[in-house]
Amino acid sequence: MCDRIWVRGFRAQYEPPLFWIIFLLGAVGNLMVVWIYTTVRNRLKTMTDVYLLNLALADLFFLCTLPFWAFDAVKGWDVGVGLCKMVSAIYKINFFSSMLLLTCISVDRYIAIVQVTKAQNLKRKRLLCSKLTCLGVWLVSALLALPEFIFAQVKPDRGGLSFCSLVFWNNAYNRTKILVLSLQICVGFFLPLLVMLFCYSVIIRTLLQAKSFEKHKALRVIFVVVFVFVLSQLPHNGLLIMEAAQAANTTITDCNVVYGFDVAGQIAKSLAFTHACLNPFLYVFIGVRFRQDLVRIVKVCAGALGKGGLSQIPAVPKRPSVMSDTDTTPALSI
């Protein structure tokens, strides 16, 4: 067994400031999304509206776990096993739900752009279907987070601190760990990636064939969405594959290699965490209509505050949805 005190020290310096930055940026962005949908617009008109609201809520729940992990990196885990299990499970539930909701958004854009006639005919049913889909996403995410409830424990370290981590049963360590990692990799990355690539490839082909679209703007947003998703998740899931292979057949025995693997895993995990603060900007703020609504709200609020305070702020005029099914070009353009 290698002494990983040096790795713990690196984690204590690296993770806390990054996690607090992600927490602050993500909280501002996602709270703005929730406020727009629940207060300003006061209703959800499309499937994507429902998915975006649930995505923002999922990211907010996930962000609430980051302060715990930041303190864990510096001072260890000293708030009990129960909270360790709860925070670990909340993190996994919202991690999986975020990935699945992003997949649902890509499917909805596929239906709205490629299957336009069908989308219009089934508009009311699609809105109900989106709510049921979100319920299914949360249930599946909770089931996938069961290993966190079962195996999360407070584990003592050689440096005198205790840390919250998964501790598998000795008699089935490798087999259980491989199963858990396989589910995380398949459901949390490869399945969403395959669905997104299929949907967006067909969307791109449809936009290229259309004469009335501002193609360069629409395609730019699609490429950014797919690129950022792959960039943030591929390193982390690639290292998870290596970890699963290591559990199946121990091949890394040199301690220096183990240290490098651990540090790379921490950096890749932190990169994957950035999805919680990037989502609002990629999937909402990048939309022309949402940006216009946001500017209008700021102007209305600033004018009202100058006249008589918060009580004088009037209702913001209703506008079409961020990603309207009847007009996809503004939804996809910057």
C-alpha atoms as a PDB file:
ATOM      1  CA  MET A   1       0.000   0.000   0.000  1.00  0.00           C
ATOM      2  CA  CYS A   2       1.329   3.427  -0.979  1.00  0.00           C
ATOM      3  CA  ASP A   3       1.378   6.323   1.471  1.00  0.00           C
ATOM      4  CA  ARG A   4      -0.883   8.974  -0.115  1.00  0.00           C
ATOM      5  CA  ILE A   5      -0.299  11.821   2.335  1.00  0.00           C
ATOM      6  CA  TRP A   6       1.312  13.898  -0.428  1.00  0.00           C
ATOM      7  CA  VAL A   7      -1.759  13.399  -2.615  1.00  0.00           C
ATOM      8  CA  ARG A   8      -3.982  14.531   0.258  1.00  0.00           C
ATOM      9  CA  GLY A   9      -1.879  17.676   0.604  1.00  0.00           C
ATOM     10  CA  PHE A  10      -2.230  18.431  -3.093  1.00  0.00           C
ATOM     11  CA  ARG A  11      -5.983  17.948  -2.826  1.00  0.00           C
ATOM     12  CA  ALA A  12      -6.177  20.312   0.155  1.00  0.00           C
ATOM     13  CA  GLN A  13      -4.522  23.090  -1.856  1.00  0.00           C
ATOM     14  CA  TYR A  14      -6.173  22.462  -5.212  1.00  0.00           C
ATOM     15  CA  GLU A  15      -9.814  21.534  -4.613  1.00  0.00           C
ATOM     16  CA  PRO A  16     -11.208  24.081  -2.098  1.00  0.00           C
ATOM     17  CA  PRO A  17     -10.638  27.299  -4.116  1.00  0.00           C
ATOM     18  CA  LEU A  18     -11.828  25.666  -7.333  1.00  0.00           C
ATOM     19  CA  PHE A  19     -14.925  24.199  -5.673  1.00  0.00           C
ATOM     20  CA  TRP A  20     -15.846  27.574  -4.157  1.00  0.00           C
ATOM     21  CA  ILE A  21     -15.506  29.266  -7.564  1.00  0.00           C
ATOM     22  CA  ILE A  22     -17.732  26.629  -9.170  1.00  0.00           C
ATOM     23  CA  PHE A  23     -20.185  26.964  -6.278  1.00  0.00           C
ATOM     24  CA  LEU A  24     -20.469  30.764  -6.551  1.00  0.00           C
ATOM     25  CA  LEU A  25     -20.711  30.924 -10.350  1.00  0.00           C
ATOM     26  CA  GLY A  26     -23.103  28.008 -10.522  1.00  0.00           C
ATOM     27  CA  ALA A  27     -25.318  29.346  -7.745  1.00  0.00           C
ATOM     28  CA  VAL A  28     -25.695  32.740  -9.442  1.00  0.00           C
ATOM     29  CA  GLY A  29     -26.397  31.268 -12.872  1.00  0.00           C
ATOM     30  CA  ASN A  30     -28.794  28.526 -11.808  1.00  0.00           C
ATOM     31  CA  LEU A  31     -30.681  30.720  -9.316  1.00  0.00           C
ATOM     32  CA  MET A  32     -31.202  33.206 -12.139  1.00  0.00           C
ATOM     33  CA  VAL A  33     -32.614  30.421 -14.326  1.00  0.00           C
ATOM     34  CA  VAL A  34     -34.988  29.246 -11.594  1.00  0.00           C
ATOM     35  CA  TRP A  35     -36.084  32.822 -10.865  1.00  0.00           C
ATOM     36  CA  ILE A  36     -36.782  33.535 -14.545  1.00  0.00           C
ATOM     37  CA  TYR A  37     -38.869  30.402 -14.995  1.00  0.00           C
ATOM     38  CA  THR A  38     -40.796  30.445 -11.700  1.00  0.00           C
ATOM     39  CA  THR A  39     -41.315  34.191 -11.192  1.00  0.00           C
ATOM     40  CA  VAL A  40     -40.878  36.146 -14.416  1.00  0.00           C
ATOM     41  CA  ARG A  41     -42.443  33.772 -16.923  1.00  0.00           C
ATOM     42  CA  ASN A  42     -44.539  31.940 -14.348  1.00  0.00           C
ATOM     43  CA  ARG A  43     -45.229  28.977 -16.648  1.00  0.00           C
ATOM     44  CA  LEU A  44     -43.430  26.301 -18.658  1.00  0.00           C
ATOM     45  CA  LYS A  45     -44.488  26.270 -22.309  1.00  0.00           C
ATOM     46  CA  THR A  46     -42.252  23.612 -23.885  1.00  0.00           C
ATOM     47  CA  MET A  47     -40.518  20.364 -22.988  1.00  0.00           C
ATOM     48  CA  THR A  48     -37.155  22.109 -23.000  1.00  0.00           C
ATOM     49  CA  ASP A  49     -38.465  24.649 -20.479  1.00  0.00           C
ATOM     50  CA  VAL A  50     -39.296  21.795 -18.109  1.00  0.00           C
ATOM     51  CA  TYR A  51     -35.926  20.129 -18.646  1.00  0.00           C
ATOM     52  CA  LEU A  52     -34.002  23.384 -18.182  1.00  0.00           C
ATOM     53  CA  LEU A  53     -35.779  24.139 -14.912  1.00  0.00           C
ATOM     54  CA  ASN A  54     -35.097  20.636 -13.587  1.00  0.00           C
ATOM     55  CA  LEU A  55     -31.512  20.886 -14.818  1.00  0.00           C
ATOM     56  CA  ALA A  56     -31.020  24.121 -12.892  1.00  0.00           C
ATOM     57  CA  LEU A  57     -32.506  22.544  -9.756  1.00  0.00           C
ATOM     58  CA  ALA A  58     -30.290  19.479 -10.154  1.00  0.00           C
ATOM     59  CA  ASP A  59     -27.211  21.658 -10.510  1.00  0.00           C
ATOM     60  CA  LEU A  60     -28.197  23.680  -7.431  1.00  0.00           C
ATOM     61  CA  PHE A  61     -28.541  20.518  -5.337  1.00  0.00           C
ATOM     62  CA  PHE A  62     -25.199  19.318  -6.650  1.00  0.00           C
ATOM     63  CA  LEU A  63     -23.555  22.659  -5.873  1.00  0.00           C
ATOM     64  CA  CYS A  64     -24.751  22.395  -2.257  1.00  0.00           C
ATOM     65  CA  THR A  65     -22.437  19.397  -1.793  1.00  0.00           C
ATOM     66  CA  LEU A  66     -19.292  21.233  -2.936  1.00  0.00           C
ATOM     67  CA  PRO A  67     -18.689  23.132   0.351  1.00  0.00           C
ATOM     68  CA  PHE A  68     -18.700  19.792   2.192  1.00  0.00           C
ATOM     69  CA  TRP A  69     -16.101  18.369  -0.198  1.00  0.00           C
ATOM     70  CA  ALA A  70     -14.031  21.560   0.089  1.00  0.00           C
ATOM     71  CA  PHE A  71     -13.900  21.252   3.895  1.00  0.00           C
ATOM     72  CA  ASP A  72     -13.290  17.512   3.585  1.00  0.00           C
ATOM     73  CA  ALA A  73     -10.206  18.180   1.457  1.00  0.00           C
ATOM     74  CA  VAL A  74      -8.707  20.533   4.071  1.00  0.00           C
ATOM     75  CA  LYS A  75      -9.819  19.308   7.502  1.00  0.00           C
ATOM     76  CA  GLY A  76     -11.172  15.848   6.823  1.00  0.00           C
ATOM     77  CA  TRP A  77     -14.688  14.605   7.422  1.00  0.00           C
ATOM     78  CA  ASP A  78     -15.813  15.231  10.985  1.00  0.00           C
ATOM     79  CA  VAL A  79     -19.616  15.557  10.596  1.00  0.00           C
ATOM     80  CA  GLY A  80     -20.624  11.923  10.880  1.00  0.00           C
ATOM     81  CA  VAL A  81     -21.311   8.870   8.720  1.00  0.00           C
ATOM     82  CA  GLY A  82     -24.964   9.769   8.131  1.00  0.00           C
ATOM     83  CA  LEU A  83     -24.127  13.092   6.521  1.00  0.00           C
ATOM     84  CA  CYS A  84     -21.337  11.406   4.560  1.00  0.00           C
ATOM     85  CA  LYS A  85     -23.853   9.006   3.015  1.00  0.00           C
ATOM     86  CA  MET A  86     -26.376  11.781   2.387  1.00  0.00           C
ATOM     87  CA  VAL A  87     -23.939  14.198   0.739  1.00  0.00           C
ATOM     88  CA  SER A  88     -22.414  11.418  -1.382  1.00  0.00           C
ATOM     89  CA  ALA A  89     -25.861  10.277  -2.523  1.00  0.00           C
ATOM     90  CA  ILE A  90     -27.058  13.818  -3.283  1.00  0.00           C
ATOM     91  CA  TYR A  91     -23.948  14.403  -5.342  1.00  0.00           C
ATOM     92  CA  LYS A  92     -24.518  11.223  -7.381  1.00  0.00           C
ATOM     93  CA  ILE A  93     -28.274  11.769  -7.795  1.00  0.00           C
ATOM     94  CA  ASN A  94     -27.786  15.210  -9.220  1.00  0.00           C
ATOM     95  CA  PHE A  95     -24.752  14.237 -11.264  1.00  0.00           C
ATOM     96  CA  PHE A  96     -26.740  11.512 -13.036  1.00  0.00           C
ATOM     97  CA  SER A  97     -29.888  13.625 -13.328  1.00  0.00           C
ATOM     98  CA  SER A  98     -27.901  16.450 -14.939  1.00  0.00           C
ATOM     99  CA  MET A  99     -26.460  14.152 -17.579  1.00  0.00           C
ATOM    100  CA  LEU A 100     -29.828  12.541 -18.307  1.00  0.00           C
ATOM    101  CA  LEU A 101     -31.595  15.905 -18.505  1.00  0.00           C
ATOM    102  CA  LEU A 102     -29.025  17.165 -20.993  1.00  0.00           C
ATOM    103  CA  THR A 103     -29.836  14.086 -23.043  1.00  0.00           C
ATOM    104  CA  CYS A 104     -33.560  14.847 -22.809  1.00  0.00           C
ATOM    105  CA  ILE A 105     -32.893  18.378 -24.097  1.00  0.00           C
ATOM    106  CA  SER A 106     -31.067  17.021 -27.136  1.00  0.00           C
ATOM    107  CA  VAL A 107     -33.974  14.639 -27.866  1.00  0.00           C
ATOM    108  CA  ASP A 108     -36.460  17.493 -27.531  1.00  0.00           C
ATOM    109  CA  ARG A 109     -34.446  19.654 -29.946  1.00  0.00           C
ATOM    110  CA  TYR A 110     -34.383  16.713 -32.354  1.00  0.00           C
ATOM    111  CA  ILE A 111     -38.173  16.434 -32.223  1.00  0.00           C
ATOM    112  CA  ALA A 112     -38.722  20.187 -32.505  1.00  0.00           C
ATOM    113  CA  ILE A 113     -36.374  20.693 -35.462  1.00  0.00           C
ATOM    114  CA  VAL A 114     -36.432  17.400 -37.359  1.00  0.00           C
ATOM    115  CA  GLN A 115     -40.014  16.301 -36.613  1.00  0.00           C
ATOM    116  CA  VAL A 116     -41.663  19.733 -36.791  1.00  0.00           C
ATOM    117  CA  THR A 117     -45.159  18.608 -37.868  1.00  0.00           C
ATOM    118  CA  LYS A 118     -45.336  15.863 -35.282  1.00  0.00           C
ATOM    119  CA  ALA A 119     -44.042  18.225 -32.601  1.00  0.00           C
ATOM    120  CA  GLN A 120     -46.833  20.728 -33.300  1.00  0.00           C
ATOM    121  CA  ASN A 121     -49.572  18.097 -33.372  1.00  0.00           C
ATOM    122  CA  LEU A 122     -48.484  16.579 -30.066  1.00  0.00           C
ATOM    123  CA  LYS A 123     -47.497  19.796 -28.276  1.00  0.00           C
ATOM    124  CA  ARG A 124     -49.753  19.351 -25.221  1.00  0.00           C
ATOM    125  CA  LYS A 125     -48.919  15.678 -24.855  1.00  0.00           C
ATOM    126  CA  ARG A 126     -45.206  16.460 -25.140  1.00  0.00           C
ATOM    127  CA  LEU A 127     -45.402  18.898 -22.225  1.00  0.00           C
ATOM    128  CA  LEU A 128     -47.033  16.245 -20.019  1.00  0.00           C
ATOM    129  CA  CYS A 129     -44.514  13.696 -21.271  1.00  0.00           C
ATOM    130  CA  SER A 130     -41.640  15.985 -20.282  1.00  0.00           C
ATOM    131  CA  LYS A 131     -42.889  16.188 -16.690  1.00  0.00           C
ATOM    132  CA  LEU A 132     -43.224  12.400 -16.490  1.00  0.00           C
ATOM    133  CA  THR A 133     -39.774  12.041 -18.058  1.00  0.00           C
ATOM    134  CA  CYS A 134     -38.272  14.324 -15.415  1.00  0.00           C
ATOM    135  CA  LEU A 135     -39.881  12.202 -12.699  1.00  0.00           C
ATOM    136  CA  GLY A 136     -38.365   9.120 -14.304  1.00  0.00           C
ATOM    137  CA  VAL A 137     -34.956  10.812 -14.486  1.00  0.00           C
ATOM    138  CA  TRP A 138     -35.001  11.579 -10.755  1.00  0.00           C
ATOM    139  CA  LEU A 139     -36.103   8.020  -9.897  1.00  0.00           C
ATOM    140  CA  VAL A 140     -33.400   6.428 -12.077  1.00  0.00           C
ATOM    141  CA  SER A 141     -30.788   8.772 -10.609  1.00  0.00           C
ATOM    142  CA  ALA A 142     -31.855   7.831  -7.072  1.00  0.00           C
ATOM    143  CA  LEU A 143     -31.536   4.123  -7.917  1.00  0.00           C
ATOM    144  CA  LEU A 144     -28.082   4.653  -9.399  1.00  0.00           C
ATOM    145  CA  ALA A 145     -27.055   6.478  -6.204  1.00  0.00           C
ATOM    146  CA  LEU A 146     -27.914   3.511  -3.961  1.00  0.00           C
ATOM    147  CA  PRO A 147     -24.229   2.420  -3.780  1.00  0.00           C
ATOM    148  CA  GLU A 148     -23.479   5.759  -2.099  1.00  0.00           C
ATOM    149  CA  PHE A 149     -26.092   5.087   0.596  1.00  0.00           C
ATOM    150  CA  ILE A 150     -24.738   1.572   1.112  1.00  0.00           C
ATOM    151  CA  PHE A 151     -20.955   1.940   0.833  1.00  0.00           C
ATOM    152  CA  ALA A 152     -20.156   5.553   1.803  1.00  0.00           C
ATOM    153  CA  GLN A 153     -18.158   5.533   5.055  1.00  0.00           C
ATOM    154  CA  VAL A 154     -15.838   7.785   7.038  1.00  0.00           C
ATOM    155  CA  LYS A 155     -12.415   6.250   6.466  1.00  0.00           C
ATOM    156  CA  PRO A 156      -9.389   7.162   8.651  1.00  0.00           C
ATOM    157  CA  ASP A 157      -6.214   8.279   6.916  1.00  0.00           C
ATOM    158  CA  ARG A 158      -2.596   7.765   7.945  1.00  0.00           C
ATOM    159  CA  GLY A 159      -2.221  11.514   8.370  1.00  0.00           C
ATOM    160  CA  GLY A 160      -4.636  11.491  11.317  1.00  0.00           C
ATOM    161  CA  LEU A 161      -7.681  12.784   9.421  1.00  0.00           C
ATOM    162  CA  SER A 162     -10.824  10.979   8.299  1.00  0.00           C
ATOM    163  CA  PHE A 163     -12.338  11.240   4.835  1.00  0.00           C
ATOM    164  CA  CYS A 164     -15.713  10.417   3.341  1.00  0.00           C
ATOM    165  CA  SER A 165     -15.341   7.800   0.607  1.00  0.00           C
ATOM    166  CA  LEU A 166     -16.776   4.538  -0.701  1.00  0.00           C
ATOM    167  CA  VAL A 167     -15.642   1.493   1.271  1.00  0.00           C
ATOM    168  CA  PHE A 168     -16.717  -1.745  -0.403  1.00  0.00           C
ATOM    169  CA  TRP A 169     -17.139  -5.014   1.463  1.00  0.00           C
ATOM    170  CA  ASN A 170     -13.941  -7.051   1.468  1.00  0.00           C
ATOM    171  CA  ASN A 171     -15.502 -10.308   0.262  1.00  0.00           C
ATOM    172  CA  ALA A 172     -16.830  -8.695  -2.920  1.00  0.00           C
ATOM    173  CA  TYR A 173     -14.618  -5.629  -3.292  1.00  0.00           C
ATOM    174  CA  ASN A 174     -13.522  -5.921  -6.905  1.00  0.00           C
ATOM    175  CA  ARG A 175     -16.786  -7.235  -8.297  1.00  0.00           C
ATOM    176  CA  THR A 176     -18.911  -4.564  -6.572  1.00  0.00           C
ATOM    177  CA  LYS A 177     -16.541  -1.746  -7.483  1.00  0.00           C
ATOM    178  CA  ILE A 178     -16.469  -2.810 -11.140  1.00  0.00           C
ATOM    179  CA  LEU A 179     -20.290  -2.922 -11.242  1.00  0.00           C
ATOM    180  CA  VAL A 180     -20.643   0.529  -9.667  1.00  0.00           C
ATOM    181  CA  LEU A 181     -18.043   2.102 -11.960  1.00  0.00           C
ATOM    182  CA  SER A 182     -19.573   0.437 -15.022  1.00  0.00           C
ATOM    183  CA  LEU A 183     -22.980   1.927 -14.229  1.00  0.00           C
ATOM    184  CA  GLN A 184     -21.462   5.369 -13.705  1.00  0.00           C
ATOM    185  CA  ILE A 185     -19.562   5.241 -16.971  1.00  0.00           C
ATOM    186  CA  CYS A 186     -22.382   3.837 -19.108  1.00  0.00           C
ATOM    187  CA  VAL A 187     -25.323   5.831 -17.728  1.00  0.00           C
ATOM    188  CA  GLY A 188     -23.427   8.982 -16.775  1.00  0.00           C
ATOM    189  CA  PHE A 189     -21.433   9.432 -19.965  1.00  0.00           C
ATOM    190  CA  PHE A 190     -21.572   6.972 -22.873  1.00  0.00           C
ATOM    191  CA  LEU A 191     -25.353   6.654 -23.131  1.00  0.00           C
ATOM    192  CA  PRO A 192     -25.930  10.451 -23.016  1.00  0.00           C
ATOM    193  CA  LEU A 193     -23.029  10.984 -25.428  1.00  0.00           C
ATOM    194  CA  LEU A 194     -24.373   8.536 -27.999  1.00  0.00           C
ATOM    195  CA  VAL A 195     -27.868  10.008 -27.841  1.00  0.00           C
ATOM    196  CA  MET A 196     -26.569  13.584 -28.101  1.00  0.00           C
ATOM    197  CA  LEU A 197     -24.300  12.769 -31.025  1.00  0.00           C
ATOM    198  CA  PHE A 198     -27.147  11.097 -32.894  1.00  0.00           C
ATOM    199  CA  CYS A 199     -29.647  13.899 -32.235  1.00  0.00           C
ATOM    200  CA  TYR A 200     -27.272  16.729 -33.034  1.00  0.00           C
ATOM    201  CA  SER A 201     -25.895  15.047 -36.161  1.00  0.00           C
ATOM    202  CA  VAL A 202     -29.423  14.746 -37.562  1.00  0.00           C
ATOM    203  CA  ILE A 203     -30.172  18.340 -36.476  1.00  0.00           C
ATOM    204  CA  ILE A 204     -27.069  19.571 -38.288  1.00  0.00           C
ATOM    205  CA  ARG A 205     -28.072  17.730 -41.463  1.00  0.00           C
ATOM    206  CA  THR A 206     -31.585  19.200 -41.237  1.00  0.00           C
ATOM    207  CA  LEU A 207     -30.279  22.741 -40.752  1.00  0.00           C
ATOM    208  CA  LEU A 208     -27.889  22.395 -43.681  1.00  0.00           C
ATOM    209  CA  GLN A 209     -30.781  21.400 -45.916  1.00  0.00           C
ATOM    210  CA  ALA A 210     -32.972  24.300 -44.775  1.00  0.00           C
ATOM    211  CA  LYS A 211     -32.751  27.564 -46.721  1.00  0.00           C
ATOM    212  CA  SER A 212     -34.221  29.964 -44.157  1.00  0.00           C
ATOM    213  CA  PHE A 213     -31.941  29.224 -41.192  1.00  0.00           C
ATOM    214  CA  GLU A 214     -28.954  31.288 -40.124  1.00  0.00           C
ATOM    215  CA  LYS A 215     -26.854  28.170 -40.403  1.00  0.00           C
ATOM    216  CA  HIS A 216     -23.531  29.398 -39.074  1.00  0.00           C
ATOM    217  CA  LYS A 217     -25.054  30.653 -35.819  1.00  0.00           C
ATOM    218  CA  ALA A 218     -27.162  27.549 -35.206  1.00  0.00           C
ATOM    219  CA  LEU A 219     -24.331  25.144 -35.993  1.00  0.00           C
ATOM    220  CA  ARG A 220     -21.908  27.098 -33.802  1.00  0.00           C
ATOM    221  CA  VAL A 221     -24.099  26.621 -30.730  1.00  0.00           C
ATOM    222  CA  ILE A 222     -24.573  22.912 -31.436  1.00  0.00           C
ATOM    223  CA  PHE A 223     -20.826  22.355 -31.779  1.00  0.00           C
ATOM    224  CA  VAL A 224     -20.186  24.280 -28.537  1.00  0.00           C
ATOM    225  CA  VAL A 225     -22.773  22.182 -26.658  1.00  0.00           C
ATOM    226  CA  VAL A 226     -21.315  18.848 -27.775  1.00  0.00           C
ATOM    227  CA  PHE A 227     -17.684  19.984 -27.433  1.00  0.00           C
ATOM    228  CA  VAL A 228     -18.053  21.286 -23.869  1.00  0.00           C
ATOM    229  CA  PHE A 229     -19.950  18.161 -22.808  1.00  0.00           C
ATOM    230  CA  VAL A 230     -17.215  15.868 -24.140  1.00  0.00           C
ATOM    231  CA  LEU A 231     -14.382  18.095 -22.903  1.00  0.00           C
ATOM    232  CA  SER A 232     -15.676  18.216 -19.324  1.00  0.00           C
ATOM    233  CA  GLN A 233     -16.675  14.561 -18.991  1.00  0.00           C
ATOM    234  CA  LEU A 234     -14.291  12.528 -21.159  1.00  0.00           C
ATOM    235  CA  PRO A 235     -11.149  12.771 -18.935  1.00  0.00           C
ATOM    236  CA  HIS A 236     -13.066  11.822 -15.780  1.00  0.00           C
ATOM    237  CA  ASN A 237     -14.812   8.856 -17.397  1.00  0.00           C
ATOM    238  CA  GLY A 238     -11.612   7.758 -19.084  1.00  0.00           C
ATOM    239  CA  LEU A 239      -9.944   7.544 -15.661  1.00  0.00           C
ATOM    240  CA  LEU A 240     -12.989   5.700 -14.290  1.00  0.00           C
ATOM    241  CA  ILE A 241     -12.449   3.087 -16.998  1.00  0.00           C
ATOM    242  CA  MET A 242      -8.822   2.742 -15.898  1.00  0.00           C
ATOM    243  CA  GLU A 243      -9.963   2.439 -12.271  1.00  0.00           C
ATOM    244  CA  ALA A 244     -12.405  -0.317 -13.216  1.00  0.00           C
ATOM    245  CA  ALA A 245      -9.648  -2.123 -15.109  1.00  0.00           C
ATOM    246  CA  GLN A 246      -7.392  -1.759 -12.074  1.00  0.00           C
ATOM    247  CA  ALA A 247     -10.088  -3.303  -9.867  1.00  0.00           C
ATOM    248  CA  ALA A 248     -10.524  -6.192 -12.295  1.00  0.00           C
ATOM    249  CA  ASN A 249      -6.804  -6.884 -12.561  1.00  0.00           C
ATOM    250  CA  THR A 250      -4.316  -4.989 -10.427  1.00  0.00           C
ATOM    251  CA  THR A 251      -1.736  -3.745 -12.901  1.00  0.00           C
ATOM    252  CA  ILE A 252      -0.446  -0.512 -11.297  1.00  0.00           C
ATOM    253  CA  THR A 253       1.943  -1.311  -8.465  1.00  0.00           C
ATOM    254  CA  ASP A 254       4.525   1.495  -8.673  1.00  0.00           C
ATOM    255  CA  CYS A 255       3.679   4.149  -6.053  1.00  0.00           C
ATOM    256  CA  ASN A 256       4.789   7.056  -8.261  1.00  0.00           C
ATOM    257  CA  VAL A 257       2.352   5.911 -10.940  1.00  0.00           C
ATOM    258  CA  VAL A 258      -0.356   5.555  -8.303  1.00  0.00           C
ATOM    259  CA  TYR A 259       0.287   9.126  -7.109  1.00  0.00           C
ATOM    260  CA  GLY A 260       0.082  10.439 -10.676  1.00  0.00           C
ATOM    261  CA  PHE A 261      -3.113   8.499 -11.270  1.00  0.00           C
ATOM    262  CA  ASP A 262      -4.683   9.931  -8.093  1.00  0.00           C
ATOM    263  CA  VAL A 263      -3.749  13.522  -8.949  1.00  0.00           C
ATOM    264  CA  ALA A 264      -5.017  13.117 -12.518  1.00  0.00           C
ATOM    265  CA  GLY A 265      -8.261  11.698 -11.132  1.00  0.00           C
ATOM    266  CA  GLN A 266      -8.759  14.707  -8.862  1.00  0.00           C
ATOM    267  CA  ILE A 267      -8.150  17.160 -11.707  1.00  0.00           C
ATOM    268  CA  ALA A 268     -10.463  15.265 -14.074  1.00  0.00           C
ATOM    269  CA  LYS A 269     -13.189  15.084 -11.423  1.00  0.00           C
ATOM    270  CA  SER A 270     -12.935  18.820 -10.826  1.00  0.00           C
ATOM    271  CA  LEU A 271     -13.224  19.436 -14.573  1.00  0.00           C
ATOM    272  CA  ALA A 272     -16.349  17.268 -14.660  1.00  0.00           C
ATOM    273  CA  PHE A 273     -17.790  19.322 -11.775  1.00  0.00           C
ATOM    274  CA  THR A 274     -17.658  22.472 -13.908  1.00  0.00           C
ATOM    275  CA  HIS A 275     -20.772  21.310 -15.779  1.00  0.00           C
ATOM    276  CA  ALA A 276     -22.816  22.667 -12.862  1.00  0.00           C
ATOM    277  CA  CYS A 277     -21.728  26.251 -13.533  1.00  0.00           C
ATOM    278  CA  LEU A 278     -21.444  26.025 -17.324  1.00  0.00           C
ATOM    279  CA  ASN A 279     -24.928  24.660 -18.020  1.00  0.00           C
ATOM    280  CA  PRO A 280     -26.818  27.938 -17.460  1.00  0.00           C
ATOM    281  CA  PHE A 281     -24.546  29.774 -19.878  1.00  0.00           C
ATOM    282  CA  LEU A 282     -24.516  27.071 -22.553  1.00  0.00           C
ATOM    283  CA  TYR A 283     -28.160  26.046 -22.534  1.00  0.00           C
ATOM    284  CA  VAL A 284     -29.943  29.220 -21.435  1.00  0.00           C
ATOM    285  CA  PHE A 285     -27.921  32.427 -21.508  1.00  0.00           C
ATOM    286  CA  ILE A 286     -26.603  31.601 -24.965  1.00  0.00           C
ATOM    287  CA  GLY A 287     -30.157  31.906 -26.340  1.00  0.00           C
ATOM    288  CA  VAL A 288     -31.040  35.228 -27.947  1.00  0.00           C
ATOM    289  CA  ARG A 289     -34.492  35.439 -26.389  1.00  0.00           C
ATOM    290  CA  PHE A 290     -33.352  34.688 -22.874  1.00  0.00           C
ATOM    291  CA  ARG A 291     -30.584  37.246 -23.139  1.00  0.00           C
ATOM    292  CA  GLN A 292     -33.067  39.853 -24.360  1.00  0.00           C
ATOM    293  CA  ASP A 293     -35.452  39.015 -21.524  1.00  0.00           C
ATOM    294  CA  LEU A 294     -32.618  39.259 -19.004  1.00  0.00           C
ATOM    295  CA  VAL A 295     -31.576  42.694 -20.285  1.00  0.00           C
ATOM    296  CA  ARG A 296     -35.197  43.843 -20.208  1.00  0.00           C
ATOM    297  CA  ILE A 297     -35.642  42.610 -16.620  1.00  0.00           C
ATOM    298  CA  VAL A 298     -32.502  44.442 -15.489  1.00  0.00           C
ATOM    299  CA  LYS A 299     -33.700  47.668 -17.076  1.00  0.00           C
ATOM    300  CA  VAL A 300     -37.198  47.357 -15.597  1.00  0.00           C
ATOM    301  CA  CYS A 301     -35.841  46.575 -12.116  1.00  0.00           C
ATOM    302  CA  ALA A 302     -33.285  49.399 -12.272  1.00  0.00           C
ATOM    303  CA  GLY A 303     -35.972  51.885 -13.291  1.00  0.00           C
ATOM    304  CA  ALA A 304     -38.389  50.701 -10.626  1.00  0.00           C
ATOM    305  CA  LEU A 305     -35.751  50.801  -7.884  1.00  0.00           C
ATOM    306  CA  GLY A 306     -34.953  54.368  -8.844  1.00  0.00           C
ATOM    307  CA  LYS A 307     -38.598  55.346  -8.485  1.00  0.00           C
ATOM    308  CA  GLY A 308     -39.873  53.543  -5.431  1.00  0.00           C
ATOM    309  CA  GLY A 309     -38.154  50.340  -4.419  1.00  0.00           C
ATOM    310  CA  LEU A 310     -38.850  46.676  -4.986  1.00  0.00           C
ATOM    311  CA  SER A 311     -42.598  47.017  -4.468  1.00  0.00           C
ATOM    312  CA  GLN A 312     -42.827  49.182  -7.576  1.00  0.00           C
ATOM    313  CA  ILE A 313     -41.293  46.637  -9.966  1.00  0.00           C
ATOM    314  CA  PRO A 314     -43.916  45.861 -12.640  1.00  0.00           C
ATOM    315  CA  ALA A 315     -44.496  42.514 -14.252  1.00  0.00           C
ATOM    316  CA  VAL A 316     -42.200  41.790 -17.167  1.00  0.00           C
ATOM    317  CA  PRO A 317     -44.119  41.288 -20.422  1.00  0.00           C
ATOM    318  CA  LYS A 318     -44.445  37.672 -21.439  1.00  0.00           C
ATOM    319  CA  ARG A 319     -42.303  36.568 -24.335  1.00  0.00           C
ATOM    320  CA  PRO A 320     -42.037  33.280 -26.171  1.00  0.00           C
ATOM    321  CA  SER A 321     -40.135  30.461 -24.552  1.00  0.00           C
ATOM    322  CA  VAL A 322     -36.349  30.348 -24.503  1.00  0.00           C
ATOM    323  CA  MET A 323     -36.407  27.563 -27.061  1.00  0.00           C
ATOM    324  CA  SER A 324     -39.721  27.818 -28.844  1.00  0.00           C
ATOM    325  CA  ASP A 325     -40.818  24.801 -30.869  1.00  0.00           C
ATOM    326  CA  THR A 326     -42.174  27.041 -33.592  1.00  0.00           C
ATOM    327  CA  ASP A 327     -39.013  29.053 -34.149  1.00  0.00           C
ATOM    328  CA  THR A 328     -35.809  27.156 -33.642  1.00  0.00           C
ATOM    329  CA  THR A 329     -33.352  29.628 -35.126  1.00  0.00           C
ATOM    330  CA  PRO A 330     -33.398  32.152 -32.230  1.00  0.00           C
ATOM    331  CA  ALA A 331     -33.267  29.244 -29.809  1.00  0.00           C
ATOM    332  CA  LEU A 332     -30.020  28.002 -31.268  1.00  0.00           C
ATOM    333  CA  SER A 333     -28.345  31.270 -32.223  1.00  0.00           C
ATOM    334  CA  ILE A 334     -26.074  33.404 -30.065  1.00  0.00           C
END
